[in-house]
Amino acid sequence: MKQNQSYTAEFRTEAVRMVLEQGLSQAEVAARLGVPKGSLANWVVKAKGPSKPFSGVAEASREELQAEVVRLRRELARAEMEREIVKKAAAYFAKESLQGTRS
């Protein structure tokens, strides 16, 4: 059974520096230092800082999001109304075409 290895903060910092500043791959650094790749990957992620799930996308304010919801609900209501009209028209024309074919 594997025992959990604890590493000093200086060791972790140096390992992360090798990846980020020296440009070595995580696999190479992990092999050189005898550290599990997963541990090193976690250290690198933590060192890079918090990530935003939608990076590159401007954050919308609450009011903008509410306005977008209102707009989309209106658009949905209109689409549903149009669909009902088309369904009724299709039923009407289907009925007319059936009556025209019967003699």
N, C-alpha and C. Protein backbone atom coordinates (compact mmCIF):
# COMPACT_ATOMS: atom_id res chain seq x y z
N MET A 1 0.84 -1.17 0.00
CA MET A 1 0.00 0.00 0.00
C MET A 1 0.90 1.24 0.00
N LYS A 2 0.55 2.25 -0.81
CA LYS A 2 1.32 3.47 -0.91
C LYS A 2 1.06 4.38 0.26
N GLN A 3 2.12 4.99 0.76
CA GLN A 3 1.96 5.97 1.82
C GLN A 3 1.92 7.35 1.19
N ASN A 4 1.16 8.24 1.81
CA ASN A 4 1.10 9.60 1.31
C ASN A 4 2.41 10.30 1.62
N GLN A 5 3.02 10.85 0.60
CA GLN A 5 4.27 11.58 0.74
C GLN A 5 3.95 13.04 0.90
N SER A 6 4.57 13.69 1.87
CA SER A 6 4.35 15.12 2.00
C SER A 6 5.60 15.83 1.52
N TYR A 7 5.40 16.94 0.84
CA TYR A 7 6.50 17.70 0.26
C TYR A 7 6.50 19.09 0.89
N THR A 8 7.69 19.64 1.03
CA THR A 8 7.79 20.97 1.61
C THR A 8 7.29 22.00 0.62
N ALA A 9 6.93 23.16 1.14
CA ALA A 9 6.46 24.25 0.28
C ALA A 9 7.55 24.68 -0.69
N GLU A 10 8.80 24.67 -0.24
CA GLU A 10 9.91 25.06 -1.12
C GLU A 10 10.06 24.07 -2.27
N PHE A 11 9.90 22.78 -1.95
CA PHE A 11 10.01 21.75 -2.98
C PHE A 11 8.92 21.93 -4.04
N ARG A 12 7.70 22.15 -3.57
CA ARG A 12 6.58 22.36 -4.50
C ARG A 12 6.81 23.59 -5.35
N THR A 13 7.24 24.67 -4.72
CA THR A 13 7.48 25.92 -5.45
C THR A 13 8.53 25.72 -6.53
N GLU A 14 9.59 25.02 -6.19
CA GLU A 14 10.66 24.78 -7.17
C GLU A 14 10.15 23.90 -8.32
N ALA A 15 9.35 22.90 -8.01
CA ALA A 15 8.80 22.03 -9.05
C ALA A 15 7.90 22.82 -10.00
N VAL A 16 7.08 23.67 -9.43
CA VAL A 16 6.18 24.49 -10.25
C VAL A 16 6.99 25.47 -11.09
N ARG A 17 8.03 26.04 -10.51
CA ARG A 17 8.88 26.99 -11.24
C ARG A 17 9.53 26.31 -12.44
N MET A 18 9.93 25.06 -12.27
CA MET A 18 10.53 24.32 -13.38
C MET A 18 9.55 24.18 -14.54
N VAL A 19 8.29 24.00 -14.20
CA VAL A 19 7.27 23.84 -15.25
C VAL A 19 6.94 25.18 -15.89
N LEU A 20 6.66 26.17 -15.06
CA LEU A 20 6.16 27.44 -15.58
C LEU A 20 7.25 28.34 -16.15
N GLU A 21 8.39 28.41 -15.49
CA GLU A 21 9.42 29.35 -15.92
C GLU A 21 10.44 28.72 -16.85
N GLN A 22 10.80 27.48 -16.60
CA GLN A 22 11.81 26.84 -17.42
C GLN A 22 11.22 26.15 -18.65
N GLY A 23 9.90 26.01 -18.67
CA GLY A 23 9.23 25.43 -19.83
C GLY A 23 9.33 23.93 -19.95
N LEU A 24 9.70 23.26 -18.88
CA LEU A 24 9.76 21.80 -18.93
C LEU A 24 8.34 21.24 -18.82
N SER A 25 8.14 20.06 -19.39
CA SER A 25 6.81 19.45 -19.31
C SER A 25 6.57 18.92 -17.90
N GLN A 26 5.32 18.81 -17.54
CA GLN A 26 4.98 18.29 -16.22
C GLN A 26 5.48 16.85 -16.06
N ALA A 27 5.37 16.06 -17.11
CA ALA A 27 5.81 14.68 -17.04
C ALA A 27 7.32 14.60 -16.80
N GLU A 28 8.07 15.47 -17.48
CA GLU A 28 9.52 15.47 -17.33
C GLU A 28 9.93 15.88 -15.91
N VAL A 29 9.31 16.93 -15.39
CA VAL A 29 9.62 17.39 -14.04
C VAL A 29 9.23 16.33 -13.02
N ALA A 30 8.08 15.73 -13.20
CA ALA A 30 7.63 14.68 -12.27
C ALA A 30 8.61 13.51 -12.26
N ALA A 31 9.09 13.11 -13.43
CA ALA A 31 10.05 12.01 -13.51
C ALA A 31 11.37 12.39 -12.85
N ARG A 32 11.85 13.60 -13.11
CA ARG A 32 13.11 14.05 -12.54
C ARG A 32 13.07 14.10 -11.01
N LEU A 33 11.96 14.56 -10.48
CA LEU A 33 11.86 14.76 -9.04
C LEU A 33 11.26 13.57 -8.30
N GLY A 34 10.72 12.60 -9.04
CA GLY A 34 10.11 11.44 -8.40
C GLY A 34 8.78 11.77 -7.74
N VAL A 35 8.03 12.65 -8.38
CA VAL A 35 6.75 13.11 -7.85
C VAL A 35 5.64 12.57 -8.76
N PRO A 36 4.52 12.16 -8.20
CA PRO A 36 3.40 11.74 -9.06
C PRO A 36 2.96 12.90 -9.98
N LYS A 37 2.66 12.55 -11.23
CA LYS A 37 2.26 13.58 -12.20
C LYS A 37 1.01 14.33 -11.74
N GLY A 38 0.09 13.63 -11.14
CA GLY A 38 -1.15 14.26 -10.67
C GLY A 38 -0.89 15.30 -9.60
N SER A 39 0.03 14.99 -8.69
CA SER A 39 0.36 15.96 -7.63
C SER A 39 0.97 17.22 -8.24
N LEU A 40 1.91 17.02 -9.16
CA LEU A 40 2.55 18.16 -9.80
C LEU A 40 1.52 18.99 -10.58
N ALA A 41 0.62 18.32 -11.26
CA ALA A 41 -0.42 19.03 -12.01
C ALA A 41 -1.27 19.87 -11.07
N ASN A 42 -1.62 19.33 -9.92
CA ASN A 42 -2.40 20.10 -8.94
C ASN A 42 -1.63 21.31 -8.44
N TRP A 43 -0.34 21.16 -8.20
CA TRP A 43 0.47 22.28 -7.73
C TRP A 43 0.53 23.37 -8.78
N VAL A 44 0.65 22.98 -10.05
CA VAL A 44 0.73 23.96 -11.13
C VAL A 44 -0.59 24.71 -11.25
N VAL A 45 -1.69 24.01 -11.17
CA VAL A 45 -3.01 24.66 -11.27
C VAL A 45 -3.18 25.66 -10.13
N LYS A 46 -2.80 25.26 -8.91
CA LYS A 46 -2.92 26.17 -7.77
C LYS A 46 -2.01 27.38 -7.93
N ALA A 47 -0.83 27.17 -8.49
CA ALA A 47 0.12 28.27 -8.66
C ALA A 47 -0.35 29.27 -9.70
N LYS A 48 -1.06 28.79 -10.70
CA LYS A 48 -1.57 29.69 -11.73
C LYS A 48 -2.69 30.57 -11.22
N GLY A 49 -3.29 30.19 -10.12
CA GLY A 49 -4.34 31.00 -9.52
C GLY A 49 -5.71 30.54 -9.93
N PRO A 50 -6.73 31.23 -9.38
CA PRO A 50 -8.11 30.83 -9.68
C PRO A 50 -8.42 31.06 -11.14
N SER A 51 -9.12 30.11 -11.71
CA SER A 51 -9.52 30.26 -13.11
C SER A 51 -10.99 30.58 -13.18
N LYS A 52 -11.36 31.33 -14.19
CA LYS A 52 -12.76 31.67 -14.40
C LYS A 52 -13.35 30.67 -15.39
N PRO A 53 -14.54 30.14 -15.12
CA PRO A 53 -15.10 29.12 -16.00
C PRO A 53 -15.42 29.64 -17.39
N PHE A 54 -15.68 30.93 -17.54
CA PHE A 54 -16.01 31.50 -18.84
C PHE A 54 -14.99 32.57 -19.19
N SER A 55 -13.72 32.22 -19.12
CA SER A 55 -12.69 33.21 -19.42
C SER A 55 -12.81 33.66 -20.87
N GLY A 56 -12.60 34.93 -21.10
CA GLY A 56 -12.71 35.48 -22.43
C GLY A 56 -14.10 36.00 -22.73
N VAL A 57 -15.06 35.67 -21.94
CA VAL A 57 -16.42 36.14 -22.12
C VAL A 57 -16.68 37.22 -21.08
N ALA A 58 -17.13 38.36 -21.56
CA ALA A 58 -17.41 39.46 -20.63
C ALA A 58 -18.53 39.05 -19.68
N GLU A 59 -18.35 39.40 -18.43
CA GLU A 59 -19.38 39.06 -17.45
C GLU A 59 -20.55 40.03 -17.59
N ALA A 60 -21.73 39.49 -17.67
CA ALA A 60 -22.93 40.31 -17.81
C ALA A 60 -23.48 40.63 -16.44
N SER A 61 -24.03 41.80 -16.33
CA SER A 61 -24.63 42.18 -15.06
C SER A 61 -25.96 41.46 -14.88
N ARG A 62 -26.45 41.47 -13.68
CA ARG A 62 -27.72 40.80 -13.38
C ARG A 62 -28.85 41.39 -14.21
N GLU A 63 -28.85 42.72 -14.36
CA GLU A 63 -29.91 43.38 -15.14
C GLU A 63 -29.85 42.97 -16.61
N GLU A 64 -28.63 42.86 -17.15
CA GLU A 64 -28.49 42.44 -18.54
C GLU A 64 -29.01 41.01 -18.73
N LEU A 65 -28.69 40.15 -17.77
CA LEU A 65 -29.15 38.77 -17.87
C LEU A 65 -30.67 38.68 -17.76
N GLN A 66 -31.26 39.48 -16.87
CA GLN A 66 -32.72 39.48 -16.75
C GLN A 66 -33.37 40.00 -18.02
N ALA A 67 -32.77 41.04 -18.63
CA ALA A 67 -33.30 41.57 -19.88
C ALA A 67 -33.23 40.52 -20.98
N GLU A 68 -32.14 39.76 -21.00
CA GLU A 68 -31.99 38.70 -22.00
C GLU A 68 -33.04 37.61 -21.80
N VAL A 69 -33.31 37.26 -20.55
CA VAL A 69 -34.34 36.25 -20.26
C VAL A 69 -35.70 36.72 -20.75
N VAL A 70 -36.02 37.99 -20.48
CA VAL A 70 -37.30 38.55 -20.92
C VAL A 70 -37.40 38.50 -22.44
N ARG A 71 -36.32 38.89 -23.12
CA ARG A 71 -36.31 38.89 -24.59
C ARG A 71 -36.48 37.47 -25.12
N LEU A 72 -35.80 36.53 -24.53
CA LEU A 72 -35.90 35.14 -25.00
C LEU A 72 -37.28 34.55 -24.73
N ARG A 73 -37.90 34.93 -23.62
CA ARG A 73 -39.26 34.44 -23.35
C ARG A 73 -40.25 34.99 -24.36
N ARG A 74 -40.09 36.26 -24.71
CA ARG A 74 -40.96 36.85 -25.75
C ARG A 74 -40.76 36.13 -27.08
N GLU A 75 -39.51 35.89 -27.42
CA GLU A 75 -39.20 35.20 -28.67
C GLU A 75 -39.79 33.80 -28.68
N LEU A 76 -39.70 33.10 -27.56
CA LEU A 76 -40.27 31.77 -27.45
C LEU A 76 -41.79 31.80 -27.60
N ALA A 77 -42.44 32.76 -26.95
CA ALA A 77 -43.90 32.87 -27.05
C ALA A 77 -44.31 33.12 -28.49
N ARG A 78 -43.57 33.99 -29.18
CA ARG A 78 -43.90 34.27 -30.59
C ARG A 78 -43.70 33.02 -31.44
N ALA A 79 -42.62 32.28 -31.22
CA ALA A 79 -42.36 31.07 -31.99
C ALA A 79 -43.44 30.02 -31.74
N GLU A 80 -43.87 29.89 -30.49
CA GLU A 80 -44.93 28.94 -30.18
C GLU A 80 -46.23 29.34 -30.85
N MET A 81 -46.55 30.65 -30.88
CA MET A 81 -47.76 31.13 -31.54
C MET A 81 -47.69 30.84 -33.04
N GLU A 82 -46.53 31.10 -33.64
CA GLU A 82 -46.36 30.83 -35.07
C GLU A 82 -46.50 29.35 -35.37
N ARG A 83 -45.97 28.51 -34.50
CA ARG A 83 -46.08 27.07 -34.69
C ARG A 83 -47.54 26.63 -34.65
N GLU A 84 -48.31 27.18 -33.72
CA GLU A 84 -49.73 26.84 -33.64
C GLU A 84 -50.47 27.27 -34.91
N ILE A 85 -50.14 28.44 -35.43
CA ILE A 85 -50.78 28.91 -36.67
C ILE A 85 -50.46 27.97 -37.81
N VAL A 86 -49.20 27.56 -37.91
CA VAL A 86 -48.80 26.65 -38.99
C VAL A 86 -49.51 25.30 -38.83
N LYS A 87 -49.62 24.81 -37.61
CA LYS A 87 -50.31 23.54 -37.39
C LYS A 87 -51.78 23.63 -37.82
N LYS A 88 -52.43 24.75 -37.47
CA LYS A 88 -53.84 24.93 -37.85
C LYS A 88 -53.99 25.06 -39.36
N ALA A 89 -53.07 25.78 -39.98
CA ALA A 89 -53.13 25.93 -41.44
C ALA A 89 -52.90 24.60 -42.13
N ALA A 90 -51.94 23.83 -41.62
CA ALA A 90 -51.68 22.51 -42.21
C ALA A 90 -52.89 21.61 -42.07
N ALA A 91 -53.54 21.65 -40.92
CA ALA A 91 -54.73 20.84 -40.72
C ALA A 91 -55.85 21.29 -41.65
N TYR A 92 -56.01 22.60 -41.81
CA TYR A 92 -57.05 23.14 -42.70
C TYR A 92 -56.81 22.68 -44.13
N PHE A 93 -55.57 22.84 -44.62
CA PHE A 93 -55.28 22.47 -46.00
C PHE A 93 -55.34 20.96 -46.21
N ALA A 94 -54.98 20.20 -45.20
CA ALA A 94 -55.08 18.75 -45.32
C ALA A 94 -56.55 18.35 -45.43
N LYS A 95 -57.38 19.00 -44.64
CA LYS A 95 -58.82 18.72 -44.68
C LYS A 95 -59.39 19.11 -46.04
N GLU A 96 -58.99 20.26 -46.55
CA GLU A 96 -59.48 20.72 -47.88
C GLU A 96 -59.04 19.78 -48.97
N SER A 97 -57.78 19.31 -48.90
CA SER A 97 -57.30 18.44 -49.96
C SER A 97 -58.01 17.09 -49.90
N LEU A 98 -58.37 16.62 -48.73
CA LEU A 98 -59.11 15.35 -48.62
C LEU A 98 -60.51 15.51 -49.19
N GLN A 99 -61.15 16.66 -48.94
CA GLN A 99 -62.50 16.89 -49.44
C GLN A 99 -62.47 17.03 -50.95
N GLY A 100 -61.43 17.58 -51.51
CA GLY A 100 -61.32 17.77 -52.95
C GLY A 100 -61.07 16.47 -53.69
N THR A 101 -60.52 15.46 -53.03
CA THR A 101 -60.20 14.20 -53.70
C THR A 101 -61.39 13.25 -53.68
N ARG A 102 -62.36 13.48 -52.79
CA ARG A 102 -63.52 12.61 -52.69
C ARG A 102 -64.62 13.12 -53.62
N SER A 103 -65.24 12.22 -54.31
CA SER A 103 -66.30 12.64 -55.21
C SER A 103 -67.65 12.11 -54.79
